[in-house]
């Protein structure tokens, strides 16, 4: 079933529901949309951080500690 047919089928079903149930469906649709918005925001932030040069200095730092600095070695 394609998108348009699914929407039309859902609308037919909604018309048969009592008002209280329509409110539940509307609330659930709002919930789903907010989850999509949150996911898009999170992915956008991840992309911004990935493209950012903010933490490049970490990769450029020289190593100041080595295995010789360990007091105790675990096997």
C-alpha atoms as a PDB file:
ATOM      1  CA  UNK A   1       0.000   0.000   0.000  1.00  0.00           C
ATOM      2  CA  UNK A   2       1.453   3.359  -0.967  1.00  0.00           C
ATOM      3  CA  UNK A   3       1.594   6.446   1.245  1.00  0.00           C
ATOM      4  CA  UNK A   4      -1.510   8.150  -0.119  1.00  0.00           C
ATOM      5  CA  UNK A   5      -3.636   5.013   0.142  1.00  0.00           C
ATOM      6  CA  UNK A   6      -2.442   4.492   3.722  1.00  0.00           C
ATOM      7  CA  UNK A   7      -3.365   8.077   4.635  1.00  0.00           C
ATOM      8  CA  UNK A   8      -6.817   7.723   3.095  1.00  0.00           C
ATOM      9  CA  UNK A   9      -7.390   4.395   4.855  1.00  0.00           C
ATOM     10  CA  UNK A  10      -6.324   5.920   8.185  1.00  0.00           C
ATOM     11  CA  UNK A  11      -8.637   8.906   7.686  1.00  0.00           C
ATOM     12  CA  UNK A  12     -11.578   6.570   7.042  1.00  0.00           C
ATOM     13  CA  UNK A  13     -10.834   4.767  10.287  1.00  0.00           C
ATOM     14  CA  UNK A  14     -10.408   8.045  12.194  1.00  0.00           C
ATOM     15  CA  UNK A  15     -13.853   9.217  11.075  1.00  0.00           C
ATOM     16  CA  UNK A  16     -15.375   6.150  12.737  1.00  0.00           C
ATOM     17  CA  UNK A  17     -13.680   6.728  16.109  1.00  0.00           C
ATOM     18  CA  UNK A  18     -15.237   8.626  19.021  1.00  0.00           C
ATOM     19  CA  UNK A  19     -13.734  12.003  19.925  1.00  0.00           C
ATOM     20  CA  UNK A  20     -11.773  10.667  22.913  1.00  0.00           C
ATOM     21  CA  UNK A  21     -10.015   8.095  20.731  1.00  0.00           C
ATOM     22  CA  UNK A  22      -9.254  10.670  18.034  1.00  0.00           C
ATOM     23  CA  UNK A  23      -7.518  12.730  20.728  1.00  0.00           C
ATOM     24  CA  UNK A  24      -5.413   9.661  21.629  1.00  0.00           C
ATOM     25  CA  UNK A  25      -4.440   9.173  17.985  1.00  0.00           C
ATOM     26  CA  UNK A  26      -3.548  12.857  17.707  1.00  0.00           C
ATOM     27  CA  UNK A  27      -1.436  12.694  20.858  1.00  0.00           C
ATOM     28  CA  UNK A  28       0.343   9.603  19.543  1.00  0.00           C
ATOM     29  CA  UNK A  29       1.026  11.337  16.216  1.00  0.00           C
ATOM     30  CA  UNK A  30       2.484  14.299  18.143  1.00  0.00           C
ATOM     31  CA  UNK A  31       4.669  11.872  20.097  1.00  0.00           C
ATOM     32  CA  UNK A  32       5.946  10.235  16.907  1.00  0.00           C
ATOM     33  CA  UNK A  33       6.691  13.605  15.320  1.00  0.00           C
ATOM     34  CA  UNK A  34       8.597  14.778  18.413  1.00  0.00           C
ATOM     35  CA  UNK A  35      10.713  11.602  18.297  1.00  0.00           C
ATOM     36  CA  UNK A  36      11.524  12.279  14.641  1.00  0.00           C
ATOM     37  CA  UNK A  37      12.432  15.886  15.484  1.00  0.00           C
ATOM     38  CA  UNK A  38      14.674  14.758  18.356  1.00  0.00           C
ATOM     39  CA  UNK A  39      16.405  12.234  16.111  1.00  0.00           C
ATOM     40  CA  UNK A  40      17.012  14.864  13.416  1.00  0.00           C
ATOM     41  CA  UNK A  41      18.430  17.286  15.989  1.00  0.00           C
ATOM     42  CA  UNK A  42      20.688  14.592  17.438  1.00  0.00           C
ATOM     43  CA  UNK A  43      21.963  13.575  14.005  1.00  0.00           C
ATOM     44  CA  UNK A  44      22.551  17.245  13.157  1.00  0.00           C
ATOM     45  CA  UNK A  45      24.581  17.772  16.316  1.00  0.00           C
ATOM     46  CA  UNK A  46      26.589  14.621  15.637  1.00  0.00           C
ATOM     47  CA  UNK A  47      27.352  15.859  12.137  1.00  0.00           C
ATOM     48  CA  UNK A  48      28.404  19.293  13.402  1.00  0.00           C
ATOM     49  CA  UNK A  49      30.735  17.690  15.955  1.00  0.00           C
ATOM     50  CA  UNK A  50      32.152  15.298  13.360  1.00  0.00           C
ATOM     51  CA  UNK A  51      32.847  18.172  10.959  1.00  0.00           C
ATOM     52  CA  UNK A  52      34.281  20.385  13.686  1.00  0.00           C
ATOM     53  CA  UNK A  53      37.986  20.923  14.258  1.00  0.00           C
ATOM     54  CA  UNK A  54      37.416  21.644  17.957  1.00  0.00           C
ATOM     55  CA  UNK A  55      39.072  18.502  19.283  1.00  0.00           C
ATOM     56  CA  UNK A  56      41.837  18.179  16.692  1.00  0.00           C
ATOM     57  CA  UNK A  57      44.364  19.295  19.309  1.00  0.00           C
ATOM     58  CA  UNK A  58      43.892  15.956  21.080  1.00  0.00           C
ATOM     59  CA  UNK A  59      45.279  14.110  18.083  1.00  0.00           C
ATOM     60  CA  UNK A  60      48.246  16.482  17.851  1.00  0.00           C
ATOM     61  CA  UNK A  61      49.328  16.215  21.502  1.00  0.00           C
ATOM     62  CA  UNK A  62      52.493  14.313  22.114  1.00  0.00           C
ATOM     63  CA  UNK A  63      52.282  11.318  24.376  1.00  0.00           C
ATOM     64  CA  UNK A  64      53.590  12.335  27.763  1.00  0.00           C
ATOM     65  CA  UNK A  65      53.270   8.906  29.384  1.00  0.00           C
ATOM     66  CA  UNK A  66      54.542   5.535  28.288  1.00  0.00           C
ATOM     67  CA  UNK A  67      54.592   1.970  29.584  1.00  0.00           C
ATOM     68  CA  UNK A  68      57.774   2.855  31.510  1.00  0.00           C
ATOM     69  CA  UNK A  69      55.747   5.241  33.679  1.00  0.00           C
ATOM     70  CA  UNK A  70      53.532   2.454  35.010  1.00  0.00           C
ATOM     71  CA  UNK A  71      54.154   1.420  38.600  1.00  0.00           C
ATOM     72  CA  UNK A  72      52.444  -1.907  38.136  1.00  0.00           C
ATOM     73  CA  UNK A  73      51.758  -3.927  34.979  1.00  0.00           C
ATOM     74  CA  UNK A  74      48.742  -6.194  34.655  1.00  0.00           C
ATOM     75  CA  UNK A  75      49.020  -9.472  32.815  1.00  0.00           C
END
